[in-house]
Amino acid sequence: MTYVQPGPHAARPVATAARVRLLIASSMGTIVEWYDFAIFAVCAVLVFNTAFFPSSDPVAGLIAALMTQAVGFVARPLGGWFFGNLGDRIGRKKALMYSIALMGVSTVAMGLLPTYAQVGVLAPVLLLVLRVLQGFAVGGESTGALVMIAESLPARQRGLWTGFPMIGGPAGNVLATAAIGLVIGWVGQDAFVAWGWRIPFLASIVLIGLGYWIRARVEESPAFVEVQENRHEVVQAPLRTALAEYPGDMLRVLLVKMGESTMFYLFSSFFIVLATVWLKAPRPAALDAVFWGSLVEVGSILAAGALADRIGRRPVTIAGLVLGLMAGFHLFTLPVGATPEQLRWATILTLTCHGIIVGGMSAYFTELFPARVRYTAMSTAYSVAAVLGGALAPIVGTWLMQRFGAPMAVGWYATIMALPAILVMLTTRETRGADLLK
């Protein structure tokens, strides 16, 4: 393992107030966007299978709803390319502001949609269109926030700093499950399915407004400013350049992200299916488990990022992947009728291990590419991996349970998806401390 000494321009000095504002802006933006994504994922399992896809076969309706969720992922590569190209050409800050605005409009509109009973087939079509817009907006979000943080703050603690935008996934789950749980507790499960599901979607307008306002107050990335000052370094076709010059590193991002994404959606979105359909647990117990698991994961991401600053990106990411598989097999062997406590602790264990993966890989991804194509290269590979991993994981998991009659098959599926990621991290170079202004 080699250690890359920080270059003389690893990061320009950033005032404390500006640093705090940047961390809040990156975290708040990703939390808002993943809250929006998470409430769709939960409602796809609890509501949309009947409200938008009525069917005499409950499993068929569930798979149809999960397919709509997956379509959002399919739009992510296009969004990753679009916002990555935008970020590499006109600035990281502008790209991130546009993405959060688009996410806000599409999510609030979901809360106003008519159901199948009201307008027939038009309802799922409109849901599908808005889901595509959501996926498009998310395409450049996480990677854009990662790039902003990594390029703006000191290299010595880059693992910790890049953990802040990555808490958006679990923190969004916390907010989404809390909001949905509160609405169910307030109006009851029947009313939630009938109309209460709209409330969490409409409430996101407050978070979107706050996130947009905070992002408008941050400064542009120093690395992008430097590229702009040297106009000959600006790339007019960043994706073509990235594919020509860094195909191996883009493949590394794709394979690691694919393994991580598969685990995340098996341990969160698919977990709701596992708990409510297979294990016969009440919906509140499943939501409670995801809430506490996601809350603990926020801490594990930041802790793992700090550890990656001390011992390297590779060992932390590898440990998270291996431990995540072990925790997954524990989850997928829970008995029918598992208690709420068993569900909660299994989910805390799986999502904590997932947080270790994220804490190790986040800075690693940013350190693989030069500033002139970093946003585009990362976003494109990252988004394609999310399709191959996150989009398909809940669908494949549901199909495997129905086909083999046992969740253990899902554990082997997770293993198949994670092995390429482990191999990549075992054979890749260590990037800790790389100079991101080059």
Protein backbone atom coordinates (compact mmCIF):
# COMPACT_ATOMS: atom_id res chain seq x y z
CA MET A 1 0.00 0.00 0.00
CA THR A 2 1.41 3.40 -0.95
CA TYR A 3 0.68 6.71 0.66
CA VAL A 4 0.26 9.70 -1.63
CA GLN A 5 1.75 12.77 -0.02
CA PRO A 6 -0.53 15.80 -0.18
CA GLY A 7 0.54 18.18 -2.90
CA PRO A 8 1.26 21.83 -2.20
CA HIS A 9 -2.20 22.75 -3.47
CA ALA A 10 -4.16 19.89 -1.95
CA ALA A 11 -6.68 22.48 -0.81
CA ARG A 12 -6.62 26.23 -0.36
CA PRO A 13 -7.20 27.61 3.13
CA VAL A 14 -10.89 27.93 3.87
CA ALA A 15 -12.21 30.18 6.63
CA THR A 16 -14.04 28.38 9.43
CA ALA A 17 -17.36 30.07 8.66
CA ALA A 18 -17.09 29.21 4.96
CA ARG A 19 -16.12 25.63 5.84
CA VAL A 20 -19.14 25.18 8.10
CA ARG A 21 -21.42 26.74 5.48
CA LEU A 22 -20.04 24.40 2.80
CA LEU A 23 -20.49 21.30 4.99
CA ILE A 24 -24.06 22.30 5.86
CA ALA A 25 -24.88 23.09 2.23
CA SER A 26 -23.53 19.80 0.91
CA SER A 27 -25.15 17.75 3.65
CA MET A 28 -28.46 19.59 3.56
CA GLY A 29 -28.72 19.30 -0.20
CA THR A 30 -28.08 15.57 -0.29
CA ILE A 31 -30.36 14.96 2.71
CA VAL A 32 -33.19 16.83 0.99
CA GLU A 33 -32.77 14.97 -2.30
CA TRP A 34 -32.47 11.57 -0.64
CA TYR A 35 -35.46 12.32 1.59
CA ASP A 36 -37.44 12.82 -1.58
CA PHE A 37 -36.03 9.62 -3.08
CA ALA A 38 -36.64 7.67 0.15
CA ILE A 39 -40.30 8.61 0.59
CA PHE A 40 -40.93 7.36 -2.94
CA ALA A 41 -39.15 4.08 -2.15
CA VAL A 42 -41.20 3.49 1.01
CA CYS A 43 -44.49 4.52 -0.61
CA ALA A 44 -43.75 2.25 -3.57
CA VAL A 45 -44.01 -0.68 -1.15
CA LEU A 46 -46.77 0.61 1.14
CA VAL A 47 -49.07 2.60 -1.19
CA PHE A 48 -48.26 2.75 -4.89
CA ASN A 49 -48.74 -0.98 -5.50
CA THR A 50 -52.49 -0.46 -4.96
CA ALA A 51 -53.03 3.27 -5.61
CA PHE A 52 -51.34 3.30 -9.02
CA PHE A 53 -51.00 -0.35 -10.03
CA PRO A 54 -54.16 -2.23 -8.99
CA SER A 55 -53.89 -5.96 -9.65
CA SER A 56 -55.54 -9.16 -8.51
CA ASP A 57 -52.04 -10.49 -7.74
CA PRO A 58 -50.50 -8.53 -4.82
CA VAL A 59 -46.94 -9.53 -5.75
CA ALA A 60 -47.47 -8.37 -9.35
CA GLY A 61 -48.66 -4.97 -8.09
CA LEU A 62 -45.66 -4.75 -5.78
CA ILE A 63 -43.19 -5.57 -8.56
CA ALA A 64 -44.89 -3.00 -10.84
CA ALA A 65 -44.46 -0.33 -8.14
CA LEU A 66 -40.81 -1.33 -7.64
CA MET A 67 -40.28 -1.14 -11.39
CA THR A 68 -41.45 2.47 -11.29
CA GLN A 69 -38.93 3.08 -8.52
CA ALA A 70 -36.26 1.48 -10.72
CA VAL A 71 -37.07 3.80 -13.63
CA GLY A 72 -35.81 6.68 -11.52
CA PHE A 73 -32.44 4.97 -11.40
CA VAL A 74 -32.42 4.43 -15.15
CA ALA A 75 -32.62 8.22 -15.58
CA ARG A 76 -29.64 8.77 -13.27
CA PRO A 77 -26.86 8.13 -15.83
CA LEU A 78 -28.34 10.78 -18.12
CA GLY A 79 -28.61 13.14 -15.15
CA GLY A 80 -25.08 12.23 -14.10
CA TRP A 81 -23.76 13.09 -17.54
CA PHE A 82 -25.84 16.30 -17.80
CA PHE A 83 -24.98 17.74 -14.38
CA GLY A 84 -21.41 16.43 -14.55
CA ASN A 85 -20.91 18.15 -17.90
CA LEU A 86 -22.53 21.28 -16.47
CA GLY A 87 -20.35 21.16 -13.36
CA ASP A 88 -17.12 20.71 -15.34
CA ARG A 89 -17.98 23.52 -17.75
CA ILE A 90 -19.83 26.25 -15.81
CA GLY A 91 -19.26 25.32 -12.17
CA ARG A 92 -20.03 22.81 -9.43
CA LYS A 93 -22.20 25.27 -7.49
CA LYS A 94 -24.59 26.08 -10.35
CA ALA A 95 -25.04 22.42 -11.23
CA LEU A 96 -25.95 21.54 -7.65
CA MET A 97 -28.45 24.39 -7.39
CA TYR A 98 -30.19 23.30 -10.58
CA SER A 99 -30.38 19.68 -9.42
CA ILE A 100 -32.00 20.47 -6.06
CA ALA A 101 -34.56 22.77 -7.73
CA LEU A 102 -35.58 20.06 -10.22
CA MET A 103 -35.85 17.47 -7.45
CA GLY A 104 -38.08 19.79 -5.42
CA VAL A 105 -40.52 20.49 -8.25
CA SER A 106 -40.92 16.82 -9.20
CA THR A 107 -41.34 15.63 -5.59
CA VAL A 108 -43.96 18.21 -4.63
CA ALA A 109 -45.84 17.39 -7.85
CA MET A 110 -45.99 13.73 -6.75
CA GLY A 111 -47.97 14.78 -3.71
CA LEU A 112 -50.61 16.25 -6.03
CA LEU A 113 -51.00 13.27 -8.38
CA PRO A 114 -54.41 11.67 -8.99
CA THR A 115 -54.65 7.91 -8.37
CA TYR A 116 -55.60 5.11 -10.78
CA ALA A 117 -59.13 5.11 -9.38
CA GLN A 118 -59.48 8.79 -10.32
CA VAL A 119 -57.95 9.02 -13.82
CA GLY A 120 -57.10 5.45 -14.83
CA VAL A 121 -53.88 4.68 -16.69
CA LEU A 122 -52.88 8.35 -16.75
CA ALA A 123 -52.00 8.10 -13.04
CA PRO A 124 -49.10 5.62 -13.37
CA VAL A 125 -47.89 7.44 -16.50
CA LEU A 126 -47.64 10.73 -14.58
CA LEU A 127 -45.98 8.94 -11.67
CA LEU A 128 -43.46 7.47 -14.09
CA VAL A 129 -42.65 10.86 -15.65
CA LEU A 130 -42.07 12.49 -12.27
CA ARG A 131 -39.95 9.55 -11.15
CA VAL A 132 -37.77 9.99 -14.24
CA LEU A 133 -37.29 13.68 -13.34
CA GLN A 134 -36.37 12.68 -9.78
CA GLY A 135 -33.78 10.23 -11.02
CA PHE A 136 -32.39 12.76 -13.48
CA ALA A 137 -31.98 15.31 -10.67
CA VAL A 138 -30.27 12.83 -8.33
CA GLY A 139 -27.85 11.80 -11.10
CA GLY A 140 -25.40 14.59 -10.39
CA GLU A 141 -26.24 15.25 -6.75
CA SER A 142 -24.11 13.02 -4.54
CA THR A 143 -21.05 13.15 -6.76
CA GLY A 144 -21.35 16.91 -7.20
CA ALA A 145 -21.50 17.45 -3.46
CA LEU A 146 -18.55 15.09 -3.00
CA VAL A 147 -16.50 17.01 -5.56
CA MET A 148 -17.29 20.37 -3.95
CA ILE A 149 -16.23 19.15 -0.51
CA ALA A 150 -13.14 17.26 -1.65
CA GLU A 151 -11.84 20.15 -3.75
CA SER A 152 -12.51 22.82 -1.13
CA LEU A 153 -11.34 21.40 2.21
CA PRO A 154 -7.93 20.16 3.50
CA ALA A 155 -6.71 16.82 2.12
CA ARG A 156 -5.58 15.54 5.53
CA GLN A 157 -9.20 15.05 6.66
CA ARG A 158 -10.78 14.50 3.25
CA GLY A 159 -12.25 11.15 4.27
CA LEU A 160 -14.13 12.80 7.13
CA TRP A 161 -15.22 15.83 5.11
CA THR A 162 -16.53 13.75 2.18
CA GLY A 163 -18.58 11.76 4.66
CA PHE A 164 -20.83 14.76 5.24
CA PRO A 165 -22.57 14.78 1.82
CA MET A 166 -22.76 10.98 1.96
CA ILE A 167 -24.89 11.00 5.11
CA GLY A 168 -27.70 12.16 2.81
CA GLY A 169 -28.80 8.58 2.06
CA PRO A 170 -29.29 7.36 5.65
CA ALA A 171 -30.34 10.79 6.94
CA GLY A 172 -32.91 11.00 4.16
CA ASN A 173 -34.17 7.58 5.27
CA VAL A 174 -34.41 8.83 8.85
CA LEU A 175 -36.48 11.85 7.83
CA ALA A 176 -38.62 9.86 5.39
CA THR A 177 -39.45 7.02 7.79
CA ALA A 178 -40.02 9.50 10.61
CA ALA A 179 -42.36 11.60 8.46
CA ILE A 180 -44.27 8.57 7.19
CA GLY A 181 -44.44 7.06 10.68
CA LEU A 182 -45.78 10.32 12.11
CA VAL A 183 -48.44 10.60 9.42
CA ILE A 184 -49.51 6.97 9.92
CA GLY A 185 -49.69 7.58 13.68
CA TRP A 186 -51.71 10.73 13.12
CA VAL A 187 -54.25 9.60 10.50
CA GLY A 188 -54.07 5.78 10.76
CA GLN A 189 -52.89 3.21 8.21
CA ASP A 190 -56.10 3.18 6.15
CA ALA A 191 -56.17 6.96 5.79
CA PHE A 192 -52.44 7.00 5.01
CA VAL A 193 -52.98 4.61 2.09
CA ALA A 194 -56.02 6.60 0.94
CA TRP A 195 -54.59 10.14 1.09
CA GLY A 196 -52.10 10.65 3.93
CA TRP A 197 -49.14 9.51 1.80
CA ARG A 198 -49.31 12.88 0.04
CA ILE A 199 -48.27 14.82 3.15
CA PRO A 200 -44.56 13.76 3.24
CA PHE A 201 -44.22 14.65 -0.46
CA LEU A 202 -45.77 18.09 -0.04
CA ALA A 203 -43.79 18.79 3.14
CA SER A 204 -40.54 18.50 1.19
CA ILE A 205 -41.09 22.01 -0.19
CA VAL A 206 -39.82 23.42 3.12
CA LEU A 207 -36.61 21.37 2.99
CA ILE A 208 -36.06 22.16 -0.69
CA GLY A 209 -36.35 25.90 -0.08
CA LEU A 210 -33.91 25.73 2.83
CA GLY A 211 -31.43 23.61 0.89
CA TYR A 212 -31.52 25.91 -2.14
CA TRP A 213 -31.02 29.01 0.02
CA ILE A 214 -28.02 27.51 1.80
CA ARG A 215 -26.40 26.36 -1.44
CA ALA A 216 -26.73 29.83 -2.93
CA ARG A 217 -24.46 31.12 -0.15
CA VAL A 218 -21.45 28.82 -0.69
CA GLU A 219 -18.37 29.66 -2.75
CA GLU A 220 -17.30 27.85 -5.91
CA SER A 221 -14.77 25.00 -5.66
CA PRO A 222 -11.13 26.24 -5.69
CA ALA A 223 -10.20 23.49 -8.16
CA PHE A 224 -12.83 24.66 -10.65
CA VAL A 225 -11.78 28.28 -10.18
CA GLU A 226 -8.20 27.26 -11.02
CA VAL A 227 -9.35 25.40 -14.13
CA GLN A 228 -11.30 28.49 -15.22
CA GLU A 229 -8.24 30.69 -14.68
CA ASN A 230 -6.34 28.42 -17.07
CA ARG A 231 -8.85 28.33 -19.89
CA HIS A 232 -6.78 25.86 -21.93
CA GLU A 233 -7.59 23.24 -19.27
CA VAL A 234 -11.37 23.54 -19.69
CA VAL A 235 -12.65 20.42 -21.46
CA GLN A 236 -15.48 20.96 -23.93
CA ALA A 237 -16.44 17.26 -24.01
CA PRO A 238 -15.54 15.99 -20.52
CA LEU A 239 -17.28 12.60 -20.87
CA ARG A 240 -15.47 11.76 -24.10
CA THR A 241 -12.18 12.82 -22.52
CA ALA A 242 -12.85 10.80 -19.36
CA LEU A 243 -13.75 7.66 -21.33
CA ALA A 244 -10.64 8.02 -23.48
CA GLU A 245 -8.16 8.78 -20.71
CA TYR A 246 -9.60 7.19 -17.54
CA PRO A 247 -11.68 4.14 -18.51
CA GLY A 248 -10.05 1.94 -15.88
CA ASP A 249 -10.79 4.33 -13.03
CA MET A 250 -14.36 4.80 -14.21
CA LEU A 251 -14.75 1.01 -14.18
CA ARG A 252 -13.40 0.94 -10.63
CA VAL A 253 -15.99 3.47 -9.51
CA LEU A 254 -18.73 1.52 -11.29
CA LEU A 255 -17.90 -1.85 -9.70
CA VAL A 256 -17.40 -0.55 -6.16
CA LYS A 257 -20.50 1.62 -6.30
CA MET A 258 -22.53 -1.26 -7.78
CA GLY A 259 -21.69 -3.52 -4.81
CA GLU A 260 -22.34 -0.77 -2.28
CA SER A 261 -25.60 0.31 -3.91
CA THR A 262 -26.92 -3.25 -4.02
CA MET A 263 -26.34 -3.61 -0.31
CA PHE A 264 -27.91 -0.26 0.56
CA TYR A 265 -31.17 -0.95 -1.25
CA LEU A 266 -31.37 -4.53 -0.01
CA PHE A 267 -30.86 -3.28 3.54
CA SER A 268 -33.36 -0.39 3.25
CA SER A 269 -36.00 -0.45 0.47
CA PHE A 270 -36.06 -4.24 0.06
CA PHE A 271 -35.98 -4.65 3.82
CA ILE A 272 -39.50 -3.15 3.95
CA VAL A 273 -40.66 -5.90 1.56
CA LEU A 274 -38.80 -8.59 3.51
CA ALA A 275 -40.20 -7.47 6.85
CA THR A 276 -43.83 -6.83 5.87
CA VAL A 277 -44.38 -9.50 3.20
CA TRP A 278 -42.12 -12.39 4.20
CA LEU A 279 -41.56 -11.96 7.95
CA LYS A 280 -45.16 -10.76 8.52
CA ALA A 281 -44.04 -7.79 10.61
CA PRO A 282 -46.31 -4.76 11.10
CA ARG A 283 -45.48 -1.74 8.94
CA PRO A 284 -44.59 0.45 11.95
CA ALA A 285 -42.03 -2.14 13.11
CA ALA A 286 -40.36 -2.19 9.67
CA LEU A 287 -40.25 1.61 9.50
CA ASP A 288 -38.90 1.79 13.06
CA ALA A 289 -36.06 -0.60 12.14
CA VAL A 290 -35.05 1.44 9.09
CA PHE A 291 -35.25 4.65 11.14
CA TRP A 292 -32.84 3.46 13.84
CA GLY A 293 -30.54 1.66 11.41
CA SER A 294 -30.26 4.79 9.25
CA LEU A 295 -29.70 7.02 12.26
CA VAL A 296 -26.78 4.88 13.45
CA GLU A 297 -25.40 4.74 9.91
CA VAL A 298 -24.95 8.52 9.86
CA GLY A 299 -22.39 8.14 12.64
CA SER A 300 -20.72 5.11 11.07
CA ILE A 301 -20.13 6.97 7.77
CA LEU A 302 -18.35 9.84 9.48
CA ALA A 303 -16.36 7.51 11.76
CA ALA A 304 -15.29 5.34 8.82
CA GLY A 305 -14.29 8.43 6.83
CA ALA A 306 -12.10 9.61 9.70
CA LEU A 307 -10.55 6.13 9.94
CA ALA A 308 -9.86 6.15 6.19
CA ASP A 309 -7.83 9.32 6.75
CA ARG A 310 -5.62 7.40 9.17
CA ILE A 311 -5.21 3.95 7.59
CA GLY A 312 -6.30 4.45 3.96
CA ARG A 313 -9.37 4.12 1.75
CA ARG A 314 -8.72 0.52 0.72
CA PRO A 315 -8.77 -1.32 4.08
CA VAL A 316 -11.82 0.55 5.32
CA THR A 317 -13.85 -0.10 2.16
CA ILE A 318 -12.85 -3.76 2.04
CA ALA A 319 -13.77 -4.24 5.72
CA GLY A 320 -17.18 -2.65 5.11
CA LEU A 321 -17.93 -4.88 2.12
CA VAL A 322 -16.97 -8.10 3.92
CA LEU A 323 -18.75 -7.20 7.15
CA GLY A 324 -21.79 -6.06 5.16
CA LEU A 325 -22.11 -9.47 3.53
CA MET A 326 -21.87 -11.20 6.90
CA ALA A 327 -24.51 -8.88 8.37
CA GLY A 328 -26.72 -9.46 5.33
CA PHE A 329 -26.74 -13.22 5.84
CA HIS A 330 -27.82 -12.62 9.43
CA LEU A 331 -30.68 -10.41 8.22
CA PHE A 332 -31.81 -12.89 5.59
CA THR A 333 -32.01 -15.73 8.12
CA LEU A 334 -34.44 -13.99 10.48
CA PRO A 335 -37.45 -16.22 11.20
CA VAL A 336 -41.04 -15.49 10.16
CA GLY A 337 -42.63 -13.59 13.03
CA ALA A 338 -39.34 -11.94 14.04
CA THR A 339 -39.81 -9.46 16.88
CA PRO A 340 -39.46 -5.70 16.37
CA GLU A 341 -36.25 -5.87 18.42
CA GLN A 342 -34.78 -8.50 16.11
CA LEU A 343 -35.67 -6.41 13.06
CA ARG A 344 -34.22 -3.27 14.60
CA TRP A 345 -30.88 -4.80 15.61
CA ALA A 346 -30.46 -6.63 12.30
CA THR A 347 -31.01 -3.39 10.42
CA ILE A 348 -28.69 -1.42 12.70
CA LEU A 349 -26.01 -4.03 11.99
CA THR A 350 -26.45 -4.08 8.20
CA LEU A 351 -26.65 -0.31 7.78
CA THR A 352 -23.69 0.28 10.10
CA CYS A 353 -21.60 -1.99 7.88
CA HIS A 354 -22.90 -0.19 4.81
CA GLY A 355 -21.82 3.09 6.39
CA ILE A 356 -18.27 1.74 6.68
CA ILE A 357 -18.24 1.09 2.92
CA VAL A 358 -19.43 4.61 2.19
CA GLY A 359 -16.94 6.20 4.58
CA GLY A 360 -14.07 4.46 2.82
CA MET A 361 -15.12 4.84 -0.80
CA SER A 362 -16.28 8.47 -0.88
CA ALA A 363 -12.91 10.20 -0.85
CA TYR A 364 -11.43 7.39 -2.96
CA PHE A 365 -13.78 8.18 -5.85
CA THR A 366 -12.84 11.87 -5.90
CA GLU A 367 -9.12 11.08 -5.81
CA LEU A 368 -9.12 8.96 -8.98
CA PHE A 369 -9.69 11.79 -11.50
CA PRO A 370 -8.23 15.23 -12.39
CA ALA A 371 -10.30 18.35 -11.78
CA ARG A 372 -11.04 19.00 -15.47
CA VAL A 373 -13.19 15.82 -15.81
CA ARG A 374 -13.77 14.81 -12.19
CA TYR A 375 -17.47 15.68 -11.92
CA THR A 376 -18.44 14.06 -15.22
CA ALA A 377 -16.32 10.91 -14.81
CA MET A 378 -17.57 10.29 -11.29
CA SER A 379 -21.22 11.08 -11.95
CA THR A 380 -21.45 8.93 -15.06
CA ALA A 381 -19.83 5.81 -13.58
CA TYR A 382 -21.61 6.34 -10.24
CA SER A 383 -25.04 6.68 -11.83
CA VAL A 384 -24.68 3.66 -14.12
CA ALA A 385 -23.64 1.61 -11.09
CA ALA A 386 -26.71 2.81 -9.20
CA VAL A 387 -28.89 1.40 -12.01
CA LEU A 388 -27.14 -1.98 -12.01
CA GLY A 389 -27.14 -2.16 -8.22
CA GLY A 390 -29.77 0.00 -6.51
CA ALA A 391 -32.44 -0.02 -9.21
CA LEU A 392 -32.53 -3.77 -9.58
CA ALA A 393 -31.82 -4.89 -6.01
CA PRO A 394 -35.38 -4.60 -4.57
CA ILE A 395 -36.89 -6.16 -7.72
CA VAL A 396 -34.41 -9.03 -7.87
CA GLY A 397 -34.72 -9.58 -4.12
CA THR A 398 -38.52 -9.77 -4.33
CA TRP A 399 -38.36 -12.14 -7.30
CA LEU A 400 -35.79 -14.39 -5.58
CA MET A 401 -37.95 -14.67 -2.46
CA GLN A 402 -40.96 -15.62 -4.55
CA ARG A 403 -38.94 -18.02 -6.76
CA PHE A 404 -37.02 -19.88 -4.04
CA GLY A 405 -39.30 -19.33 -1.07
CA ALA A 406 -36.44 -18.24 1.19
CA PRO A 407 -34.62 -14.93 1.78
CA MET A 408 -31.26 -16.74 1.87
CA ALA A 409 -31.20 -16.58 -1.94
CA VAL A 410 -31.05 -12.78 -1.58
CA GLY A 411 -27.89 -13.13 0.52
CA TRP A 412 -26.16 -15.03 -2.28
CA TYR A 413 -27.29 -12.39 -4.77
CA ALA A 414 -25.69 -9.70 -2.57
CA THR A 415 -22.50 -11.75 -2.49
CA ILE A 416 -22.33 -11.99 -6.27
CA MET A 417 -22.76 -8.22 -6.59
CA ALA A 418 -20.20 -7.39 -3.87
CA LEU A 419 -17.35 -9.69 -4.96
CA PRO A 420 -16.24 -7.49 -7.93
CA ALA A 421 -16.10 -4.49 -5.56
CA ILE A 422 -13.92 -6.40 -3.11
CA LEU A 423 -11.61 -7.49 -5.93
CA VAL A 424 -11.29 -3.89 -7.18
CA MET A 425 -10.33 -2.58 -3.75
CA LEU A 426 -7.83 -5.41 -3.22
CA THR A 427 -6.05 -4.56 -6.48
CA THR A 428 -6.40 -0.76 -6.71
CA ARG A 429 -3.86 1.88 -5.72
CA GLU A 430 -4.19 3.74 -2.43
CA THR A 431 -5.25 7.34 -3.06
CA ARG A 432 -5.19 8.87 0.41
CA GLY A 433 -3.90 12.45 0.37
CA ALA A 434 -3.95 12.91 -3.42
CA ASP A 435 -3.68 16.48 -4.77
CA LEU A 436 -7.09 17.33 -6.25
CA LEU A 437 -6.07 20.61 -7.87
CA LYS A 438 -4.05 18.80 -10.52
